[in-house]
């Protein structure tokens, strides 16, 4: 979203546009952090089994 600010733009209009931008946040990877608990079990145990090339 782009906010165009001129010298004639009122501060109320800018605040409305900023509030609108804050409401429409896109989901990122951080939004899903920790959502797969139980799928792989403990993270360290899972990594040890996957990366265990010598056993």
C-alpha atoms as a PDB file:
ATOM      1  CA  UNK A   1       0.000   0.000   0.000  1.00  0.00           C
ATOM      2  CA  UNK A   2       1.247   3.443  -0.873  1.00  0.00           C
ATOM      3  CA  UNK A   3       0.391   6.590   1.050  1.00  0.00           C
ATOM      4  CA  UNK A   4       0.786   9.787  -0.914  1.00  0.00           C
ATOM      5  CA  UNK A   5       1.370  12.800   1.294  1.00  0.00           C
ATOM      6  CA  UNK A   6       1.191  16.305  -0.089  1.00  0.00           C
ATOM      7  CA  UNK A   7       1.539  19.576   1.738  1.00  0.00           C
ATOM      8  CA  UNK A   8      -2.274  19.797   1.721  1.00  0.00           C
ATOM      9  CA  UNK A   9      -2.811  16.375   3.326  1.00  0.00           C
ATOM     10  CA  UNK A  10      -4.446  16.540   6.733  1.00  0.00           C
ATOM     11  CA  UNK A  11      -2.917  14.682   9.659  1.00  0.00           C
ATOM     12  CA  UNK A  12      -6.220  12.840  10.223  1.00  0.00           C
ATOM     13  CA  UNK A  13      -6.033  11.383   6.713  1.00  0.00           C
ATOM     14  CA  UNK A  14      -2.478  10.187   7.336  1.00  0.00           C
ATOM     15  CA  UNK A  15      -3.467   8.564  10.630  1.00  0.00           C
ATOM     16  CA  UNK A  16      -6.413   6.780   8.969  1.00  0.00           C
ATOM     17  CA  UNK A  17      -4.158   5.440   6.227  1.00  0.00           C
ATOM     18  CA  UNK A  18      -1.562   4.251   8.756  1.00  0.00           C
ATOM     19  CA  UNK A  19      -4.213   2.451  10.806  1.00  0.00           C
ATOM     20  CA  UNK A  20      -5.500   0.808   7.643  1.00  0.00           C
ATOM     21  CA  UNK A  21      -1.983  -0.400   6.830  1.00  0.00           C
ATOM     22  CA  UNK A  22      -1.499  -1.845  10.303  1.00  0.00           C
ATOM     23  CA  UNK A  23      -4.704  -3.870  10.026  1.00  0.00           C
ATOM     24  CA  UNK A  24      -3.767  -5.455   6.699  1.00  0.00           C
ATOM     25  CA  UNK A  25      -0.535  -7.217   7.634  1.00  0.00           C
ATOM     26  CA  UNK A  26       0.562 -10.119   5.491  1.00  0.00           C
ATOM     27  CA  UNK A  27       1.354 -13.403   7.148  1.00  0.00           C
ATOM     28  CA  UNK A  28       5.013 -14.269   7.305  1.00  0.00           C
ATOM     29  CA  UNK A  29       6.916 -17.322   8.414  1.00  0.00           C
ATOM     30  CA  UNK A  30       7.031 -15.830  11.892  1.00  0.00           C
ATOM     31  CA  UNK A  31       3.232 -16.086  12.026  1.00  0.00           C
ATOM     32  CA  UNK A  32       3.499 -19.863  11.833  1.00  0.00           C
ATOM     33  CA  UNK A  33       6.455 -20.284  14.207  1.00  0.00           C
ATOM     34  CA  UNK A  34       5.780 -23.115  16.637  1.00  0.00           C
ATOM     35  CA  UNK A  35       2.574 -24.270  14.944  1.00  0.00           C
ATOM     36  CA  UNK A  36       3.875 -27.757  14.108  1.00  0.00           C
ATOM     37  CA  UNK A  37       4.417 -28.886  17.674  1.00  0.00           C
ATOM     38  CA  UNK A  38       3.975 -32.623  17.954  1.00  0.00           C
ATOM     39  CA  UNK A  39       4.474 -33.263  14.247  1.00  0.00           C
ATOM     40  CA  UNK A  40       8.200 -33.850  14.576  1.00  0.00           C
ATOM     41  CA  UNK A  41       8.385 -34.247  18.352  1.00  0.00           C
ATOM     42  CA  UNK A  42      11.292 -32.556  20.056  1.00  0.00           C
ATOM     43  CA  UNK A  43      13.230 -30.407  17.592  1.00  0.00           C
ATOM     44  CA  UNK A  44      16.684 -31.436  18.812  1.00  0.00           C
ATOM     45  CA  UNK A  45      15.874 -35.164  18.713  1.00  0.00           C
ATOM     46  CA  UNK A  46      14.478 -34.809  15.206  1.00  0.00           C
ATOM     47  CA  UNK A  47      17.592 -33.006  13.968  1.00  0.00           C
ATOM     48  CA  UNK A  48      19.874 -35.589  15.573  1.00  0.00           C
ATOM     49  CA  UNK A  49      18.065 -38.445  13.819  1.00  0.00           C
ATOM     50  CA  UNK A  50      18.030 -36.669  10.441  1.00  0.00           C
ATOM     51  CA  UNK A  51      21.659 -35.526  10.590  1.00  0.00           C
ATOM     52  CA  UNK A  52      23.037 -38.709  12.064  1.00  0.00           C
ATOM     53  CA  UNK A  53      25.109 -39.838   9.085  1.00  0.00           C
ATOM     54  CA  UNK A  54      27.598 -41.982  11.005  1.00  0.00           C
ATOM     55  CA  UNK A  55      25.210 -44.404  12.724  1.00  0.00           C
END
